[in-house]
Amino acid sequence: MAHGGIPIGEWSGSNATRELHETIKQFNEKTERQTEQMVRLTKVIAWLTSVMLVAVIVQIVLAIKAMTG
């Protein structure tokens, strides 16, 4: 202990620095999981969009064939 009973880790700020590093580590782990989920959702949305595009093209082709003959 230094300076009137204050622990050295508190006096020097090293305890706060360790806590900050731990908080940043936890934050990064959570955001990494969220990023992975967003990438998966984006891939699913892209796949569904391409399926819808094919369906619309088929409908247009069938409508044109019905009008022409």
N, C-alpha and C. Protein backbone atom coordinates (compact mmCIF):
# COMPACT_ATOMS: atom_id res chain seq x y z
N MET A 1 0.83 -1.18 0.00
CA MET A 1 0.00 0.00 0.00
C MET A 1 0.88 1.24 0.00
N ALA A 2 0.38 2.22 -0.72
CA ALA A 2 1.14 3.45 -0.80
C ALA A 2 0.21 4.63 -0.57
N HIS A 3 0.74 5.69 -0.07
CA HIS A 3 0.02 6.95 0.09
C HIS A 3 -1.27 6.81 0.88
N GLY A 4 -1.18 6.53 2.13
CA GLY A 4 -2.33 6.54 3.02
C GLY A 4 -3.27 5.37 2.87
N GLY A 5 -2.80 4.20 2.53
CA GLY A 5 -3.66 3.03 2.49
C GLY A 5 -4.32 2.76 1.16
N ILE A 6 -4.02 3.49 0.12
CA ILE A 6 -4.59 3.24 -1.20
C ILE A 6 -3.77 2.15 -1.87
N PRO A 7 -4.40 1.08 -2.33
CA PRO A 7 -3.66 0.00 -3.01
C PRO A 7 -2.92 0.55 -4.23
N ILE A 8 -1.75 -0.01 -4.50
CA ILE A 8 -0.90 0.49 -5.59
C ILE A 8 -1.59 0.36 -6.94
N GLY A 9 -2.40 -0.70 -7.12
CA GLY A 9 -3.10 -0.87 -8.40
C GLY A 9 -4.12 0.23 -8.63
N GLU A 10 -4.73 0.68 -7.55
CA GLU A 10 -5.70 1.77 -7.67
C GLU A 10 -4.98 3.11 -7.84
N TRP A 11 -3.89 3.26 -7.13
CA TRP A 11 -3.13 4.51 -7.19
C TRP A 11 -2.55 4.73 -8.59
N SER A 12 -2.02 3.67 -9.17
CA SER A 12 -1.36 3.81 -10.47
C SER A 12 -2.35 3.73 -11.63
N GLY A 13 -3.55 3.23 -11.38
CA GLY A 13 -4.53 3.11 -12.45
C GLY A 13 -4.47 1.77 -13.17
N SER A 14 -3.60 0.88 -12.72
CA SER A 14 -3.46 -0.40 -13.43
C SER A 14 -4.70 -1.27 -13.28
N ASN A 15 -5.39 -1.17 -12.13
CA ASN A 15 -6.64 -1.93 -11.97
C ASN A 15 -7.68 -1.47 -12.99
N ALA A 16 -7.79 -0.17 -13.17
CA ALA A 16 -8.76 0.37 -14.13
C ALA A 16 -8.38 -0.04 -15.55
N THR A 17 -7.10 -0.07 -15.83
CA THR A 17 -6.65 -0.47 -17.16
C THR A 17 -6.99 -1.93 -17.43
N ARG A 18 -6.79 -2.80 -16.43
CA ARG A 18 -7.15 -4.21 -16.60
C ARG A 18 -8.65 -4.36 -16.81
N GLU A 19 -9.45 -3.64 -16.06
CA GLU A 19 -10.90 -3.72 -16.22
C GLU A 19 -11.32 -3.23 -17.60
N LEU A 20 -10.67 -2.17 -18.07
CA LEU A 20 -10.98 -1.65 -19.41
C LEU A 20 -10.65 -2.68 -20.48
N HIS A 21 -9.50 -3.33 -20.36
CA HIS A 21 -9.12 -4.37 -21.33
C HIS A 21 -10.14 -5.52 -21.32
N GLU A 22 -10.59 -5.92 -20.15
CA GLU A 22 -11.58 -7.00 -20.05
C GLU A 22 -12.91 -6.58 -20.68
N THR A 23 -13.31 -5.34 -20.43
CA THR A 23 -14.56 -4.84 -21.01
C THR A 23 -14.47 -4.80 -22.54
N ILE A 24 -13.36 -4.34 -23.06
CA ILE A 24 -13.17 -4.29 -24.52
C ILE A 24 -13.19 -5.70 -25.10
N LYS A 25 -12.57 -6.65 -24.41
CA LYS A 25 -12.55 -8.04 -24.88
C LYS A 25 -13.97 -8.60 -24.95
N GLN A 26 -14.76 -8.38 -23.90
CA GLN A 26 -16.15 -8.86 -23.89
C GLN A 26 -16.97 -8.20 -24.99
N PHE A 27 -16.78 -6.90 -25.18
CA PHE A 27 -17.50 -6.17 -26.23
C PHE A 27 -17.17 -6.75 -27.60
N ASN A 28 -15.89 -7.01 -27.85
CA ASN A 28 -15.47 -7.56 -29.15
C ASN A 28 -16.06 -8.94 -29.39
N GLU A 29 -16.14 -9.76 -28.35
CA GLU A 29 -16.73 -11.09 -28.51
C GLU A 29 -18.21 -11.00 -28.87
N LYS A 30 -18.93 -10.10 -28.23
CA LYS A 30 -20.36 -9.95 -28.53
C LYS A 30 -20.57 -9.40 -29.93
N THR A 31 -19.80 -8.40 -30.31
CA THR A 31 -19.98 -7.83 -31.65
C THR A 31 -19.58 -8.82 -32.73
N GLU A 32 -18.62 -9.69 -32.44
CA GLU A 32 -18.23 -10.71 -33.42
C GLU A 32 -19.39 -11.66 -33.69
N ARG A 33 -20.08 -12.07 -32.63
CA ARG A 33 -21.24 -12.96 -32.81
C ARG A 33 -22.34 -12.25 -33.59
N GLN A 34 -22.57 -10.99 -33.28
CA GLN A 34 -23.60 -10.24 -33.99
C GLN A 34 -23.24 -10.08 -35.46
N THR A 35 -21.98 -9.86 -35.74
CA THR A 35 -21.53 -9.71 -37.13
C THR A 35 -21.75 -11.01 -37.90
N GLU A 36 -21.43 -12.14 -37.27
CA GLU A 36 -21.66 -13.44 -37.93
C GLU A 36 -23.13 -13.65 -38.24
N GLN A 37 -24.00 -13.27 -37.32
CA GLN A 37 -25.44 -13.41 -37.55
C GLN A 37 -25.89 -12.51 -38.70
N MET A 38 -25.37 -11.30 -38.75
CA MET A 38 -25.75 -10.38 -39.82
C MET A 38 -25.29 -10.91 -41.18
N VAL A 39 -24.12 -11.50 -41.24
CA VAL A 39 -23.62 -12.06 -42.50
C VAL A 39 -24.53 -13.20 -42.95
N ARG A 40 -24.91 -14.08 -42.01
CA ARG A 40 -25.81 -15.19 -42.35
C ARG A 40 -27.15 -14.65 -42.85
N LEU A 41 -27.71 -13.68 -42.16
CA LEU A 41 -28.99 -13.11 -42.58
C LEU A 41 -28.89 -12.45 -43.95
N THR A 42 -27.79 -11.79 -44.21
CA THR A 42 -27.59 -11.15 -45.51
C THR A 42 -27.53 -12.19 -46.62
N LYS A 43 -26.87 -13.30 -46.36
CA LYS A 43 -26.81 -14.38 -47.37
C LYS A 43 -28.19 -14.96 -47.62
N VAL A 44 -28.98 -15.14 -46.58
CA VAL A 44 -30.34 -15.67 -46.74
C VAL A 44 -31.19 -14.70 -47.54
N ILE A 45 -31.08 -13.42 -47.25
CA ILE A 45 -31.85 -12.41 -47.98
C ILE A 45 -31.44 -12.39 -49.44
N ALA A 46 -30.15 -12.50 -49.72
CA ALA A 46 -29.68 -12.52 -51.12
C ALA A 46 -30.22 -13.74 -51.85
N TRP A 47 -30.24 -14.90 -51.19
CA TRP A 47 -30.76 -16.11 -51.80
C TRP A 47 -32.25 -15.96 -52.08
N LEU A 48 -33.02 -15.45 -51.12
CA LEU A 48 -34.45 -15.26 -51.33
C LEU A 48 -34.73 -14.26 -52.44
N THR A 49 -33.92 -13.23 -52.54
CA THR A 49 -34.08 -12.24 -53.60
C THR A 49 -33.86 -12.88 -54.97
N SER A 50 -32.86 -13.73 -55.08
CA SER A 50 -32.61 -14.38 -56.37
C SER A 50 -33.74 -15.34 -56.72
N VAL A 51 -34.30 -16.03 -55.73
CA VAL A 51 -35.45 -16.91 -56.00
C VAL A 51 -36.64 -16.08 -56.48
N MET A 52 -36.88 -14.95 -55.84
CA MET A 52 -37.99 -14.09 -56.27
C MET A 52 -37.76 -13.56 -57.69
N LEU A 53 -36.52 -13.22 -58.01
CA LEU A 53 -36.21 -12.72 -59.35
C LEU A 53 -36.51 -13.78 -60.41
N VAL A 54 -36.13 -15.01 -60.15
CA VAL A 54 -36.43 -16.09 -61.09
C VAL A 54 -37.94 -16.25 -61.25
N ALA A 55 -38.67 -16.21 -60.13
CA ALA A 55 -40.13 -16.36 -60.20
C ALA A 55 -40.76 -15.23 -61.02
N VAL A 56 -40.28 -14.01 -60.86
CA VAL A 56 -40.83 -12.89 -61.63
C VAL A 56 -40.52 -13.04 -63.11
N ILE A 57 -39.32 -13.48 -63.43
CA ILE A 57 -38.97 -13.67 -64.85
C ILE A 57 -39.85 -14.75 -65.46
N VAL A 58 -40.10 -15.83 -64.75
CA VAL A 58 -40.98 -16.90 -65.25
C VAL A 58 -42.39 -16.35 -65.47
N GLN A 59 -42.88 -15.56 -64.54
CA GLN A 59 -44.23 -14.98 -64.71
C GLN A 59 -44.30 -14.06 -65.91
N ILE A 60 -43.26 -13.27 -66.13
CA ILE A 60 -43.25 -12.37 -67.29
C ILE A 60 -43.24 -13.18 -68.58
N VAL A 61 -42.43 -14.21 -68.63
CA VAL A 61 -42.36 -15.05 -69.83
C VAL A 61 -43.72 -15.70 -70.08
N LEU A 62 -44.37 -16.24 -69.05
CA LEU A 62 -45.68 -16.86 -69.23
C LEU A 62 -46.74 -15.84 -69.66
N ALA A 63 -46.66 -14.63 -69.13
CA ALA A 63 -47.63 -13.61 -69.52
C ALA A 63 -47.44 -13.20 -70.99
N ILE A 64 -46.19 -13.10 -71.42
CA ILE A 64 -45.94 -12.74 -72.82
C ILE A 64 -46.41 -13.86 -73.75
N LYS A 65 -46.17 -15.11 -73.39
CA LYS A 65 -46.63 -16.23 -74.21
C LYS A 65 -48.15 -16.27 -74.28
N ALA A 66 -48.82 -15.96 -73.17
CA ALA A 66 -50.29 -15.97 -73.15
C ALA A 66 -50.86 -14.88 -74.04
N MET A 67 -50.20 -13.73 -74.10
CA MET A 67 -50.69 -12.63 -74.93
C MET A 67 -50.44 -12.89 -76.41
N THR A 68 -49.38 -13.56 -76.74
CA THR A 68 -49.04 -13.76 -78.15
C THR A 68 -49.64 -15.02 -78.75
N GLY A 69 -50.14 -15.87 -77.95
CA GLY A 69 -50.67 -16.97 -78.66
C GLY A 69 -51.00 -18.17 -77.94
